[in-house]
Amino acid sequence: MKTVSTTVSTLLILCTLLFVHCSPDIPYVSTTKEVITQGTWAVDYYYNGQEKTMQYENYVFTFAPTGNVTCTHGIDTYEGTWNTYKDVNRNDVLTINLSNQQPYLSELNDSWNVTTLNLTYVAMKNSVSTQLIFKKL
């Protein structure tokens, strides 16, 4: 009798283990706000009808969690605001508004649809398919 009880218990435990399904670990995906506020950034690529990346050489961007953005170029500093929101498809949109008279920087004032996001790279497009890529410094 003891052998039957042990066998049944063992079979129940094995069946339970076979039918238990653990859910897979889902990797945490950072939001644009979490990524962009970490460190400083540079324009790695800018395309608006033609490649214009060189016009942003040596510009450094810092996105503060408070919604302020600072751009430095040598001794010159430019300031503005930024924010993120989700569009109707739940995709991140980064809005930049640099308040200055610098023509190159004013080209970045737009709402950018985030297309690729990782800890060192943020790729975006606006509504007319201008492309902007920030890389972390």
Protein backbone atom coordinates (compact mmCIF):
# COMPACT_ATOMS: atom_id res chain seq x y z
CA MET A 1 0.00 0.00 0.00
CA LYS A 2 2.83 2.34 0.83
CA THR A 3 4.41 1.70 -2.59
CA VAL A 4 1.17 2.54 -4.41
CA SER A 5 0.80 5.75 -2.42
CA THR A 6 4.39 6.77 -3.17
CA THR A 7 4.00 5.95 -6.86
CA VAL A 8 0.77 7.93 -7.14
CA SER A 9 2.33 10.89 -5.32
CA THR A 10 5.36 10.78 -7.60
CA LEU A 11 3.16 10.64 -10.70
CA LEU A 12 1.08 13.58 -9.46
CA ILE A 13 4.20 15.65 -8.85
CA LEU A 14 5.61 14.77 -12.29
CA CYS A 15 2.31 15.60 -14.00
CA THR A 16 2.12 18.89 -12.16
CA LEU A 17 5.66 19.79 -13.22
CA LEU A 18 4.96 18.85 -16.82
CA PHE A 19 1.84 20.99 -17.08
CA VAL A 20 3.13 24.04 -15.26
CA HIS A 21 4.01 26.68 -17.81
CA CYS A 22 6.15 29.56 -16.69
CA SER A 23 5.70 32.76 -18.60
CA PRO A 24 8.86 33.89 -20.40
CA ASP A 25 10.75 36.86 -19.08
CA ILE A 26 9.74 39.94 -21.01
CA PRO A 27 12.71 42.28 -21.40
CA TYR A 28 12.19 45.76 -20.04
CA VAL A 29 12.04 48.34 -22.81
CA SER A 30 12.99 51.85 -21.81
CA THR A 31 10.90 54.78 -22.90
CA THR A 32 12.38 57.61 -24.92
CA LYS A 33 12.22 59.86 -21.85
CA GLU A 34 14.20 57.37 -19.77
CA VAL A 35 16.87 56.99 -22.44
CA ILE A 36 17.25 60.58 -23.64
CA THR A 37 17.71 61.99 -20.13
CA GLN A 38 20.75 59.80 -19.51
CA GLY A 39 23.95 61.60 -20.48
CA THR A 40 24.74 63.82 -23.44
CA TRP A 41 23.88 63.33 -27.10
CA ALA A 42 25.11 64.36 -30.54
CA VAL A 43 23.47 64.34 -33.95
CA ASP A 44 24.78 61.22 -35.67
CA TYR A 45 22.69 61.67 -38.82
CA TYR A 46 20.38 64.34 -40.20
CA TYR A 47 18.67 64.10 -43.58
CA ASN A 48 16.28 66.70 -44.94
CA GLY A 49 16.25 66.36 -48.73
CA GLN A 50 19.99 65.83 -48.52
CA GLU A 51 22.37 64.75 -45.80
CA LYS A 52 23.13 67.66 -43.49
CA THR A 53 24.83 65.86 -40.62
CA MET A 54 28.01 67.98 -40.78
CA GLN A 55 26.14 71.16 -39.83
CA TYR A 56 25.62 69.62 -36.36
CA GLU A 57 29.23 68.65 -35.79
CA ASN A 58 30.40 69.50 -32.25
CA TYR A 59 26.88 70.29 -30.98
CA VAL A 60 26.16 68.52 -27.68
CA PHE A 61 22.59 68.08 -26.40
CA THR A 62 21.51 67.48 -22.82
CA PHE A 63 17.88 66.58 -22.16
CA ALA A 64 16.93 67.24 -18.53
CA PRO A 65 14.12 65.22 -16.93
CA THR A 66 12.38 68.54 -16.22
CA GLY A 67 11.72 69.09 -19.94
CA ASN A 68 14.56 71.52 -20.60
CA VAL A 69 17.10 70.88 -23.33
CA THR A 70 20.51 72.53 -23.54
CA CYS A 71 22.64 72.54 -26.64
CA THR A 72 26.26 73.62 -26.50
CA HIS A 73 28.60 74.38 -29.38
CA GLY A 74 31.98 75.50 -28.14
CA ILE A 75 31.31 78.38 -25.76
CA ASP A 76 27.80 79.02 -27.14
CA THR A 77 24.81 77.61 -25.28
CA TYR A 78 21.28 77.34 -26.62
CA GLU A 79 18.26 76.37 -24.57
CA GLY A 80 14.79 75.10 -25.20
CA THR A 81 12.23 72.54 -24.16
CA TRP A 82 11.38 68.97 -25.06
CA ASN A 83 8.75 66.39 -24.18
CA THR A 84 7.54 62.97 -25.16
CA TYR A 85 4.13 61.51 -25.67
CA LYS A 86 2.55 58.41 -27.18
CA ASP A 87 0.81 58.67 -30.55
CA VAL A 88 -2.41 56.80 -31.38
CA ASN A 89 -0.37 53.66 -32.13
CA ARG A 90 1.36 53.88 -28.71
CA ASN A 91 4.69 54.86 -30.31
CA ASP A 92 6.92 57.44 -28.66
CA VAL A 93 7.06 60.93 -30.15
CA LEU A 94 9.82 63.34 -29.10
CA THR A 95 9.06 67.04 -29.48
CA ILE A 96 11.98 69.49 -29.52
CA ASN A 97 11.65 73.26 -29.31
CA LEU A 98 14.98 75.11 -29.22
CA SER A 99 14.37 78.81 -28.73
CA ASN A 100 17.16 80.54 -30.62
CA GLN A 101 18.09 82.24 -33.84
CA GLN A 102 20.50 79.51 -34.93
CA PRO A 103 19.11 78.29 -38.28
CA TYR A 104 20.59 74.78 -37.98
CA LEU A 105 19.05 74.23 -34.59
CA SER A 106 15.65 75.55 -35.58
CA GLU A 107 15.48 72.72 -38.13
CA LEU A 108 15.30 70.31 -35.18
CA ASN A 109 12.18 72.00 -33.78
CA ASP A 110 9.56 69.42 -34.60
CA SER A 111 7.67 66.37 -33.39
CA TRP A 112 9.79 63.32 -34.13
CA ASN A 113 8.37 59.80 -34.37
CA VAL A 114 10.84 57.50 -32.62
CA THR A 115 11.60 54.57 -34.93
CA THR A 116 14.54 52.94 -33.11
CA LEU A 117 15.48 53.27 -29.47
CA ASN A 118 18.24 51.77 -27.39
CA LEU A 119 20.54 53.05 -24.65
CA THR A 120 23.00 54.66 -27.07
CA TYR A 121 20.93 55.48 -30.16
CA VAL A 122 17.63 57.21 -30.91
CA ALA A 123 16.44 57.25 -34.53
CA MET A 124 13.47 59.40 -35.54
CA LYS A 125 11.46 60.71 -38.49
CA ASN A 126 9.10 63.64 -38.69
CA SER A 127 5.87 63.87 -40.68
CA VAL A 128 7.69 64.68 -43.94
CA SER A 129 10.25 61.87 -43.50
CA THR A 130 13.15 64.03 -42.41
CA GLN A 131 15.47 61.72 -40.48
CA LEU A 132 17.28 62.53 -37.24
CA ILE A 133 19.52 60.20 -35.27
CA PHE A 134 21.01 61.04 -31.87
CA LYS A 135 23.87 58.99 -30.49
CA LYS A 136 24.97 59.00 -26.90
CA LEU A 137 28.38 60.50 -26.18
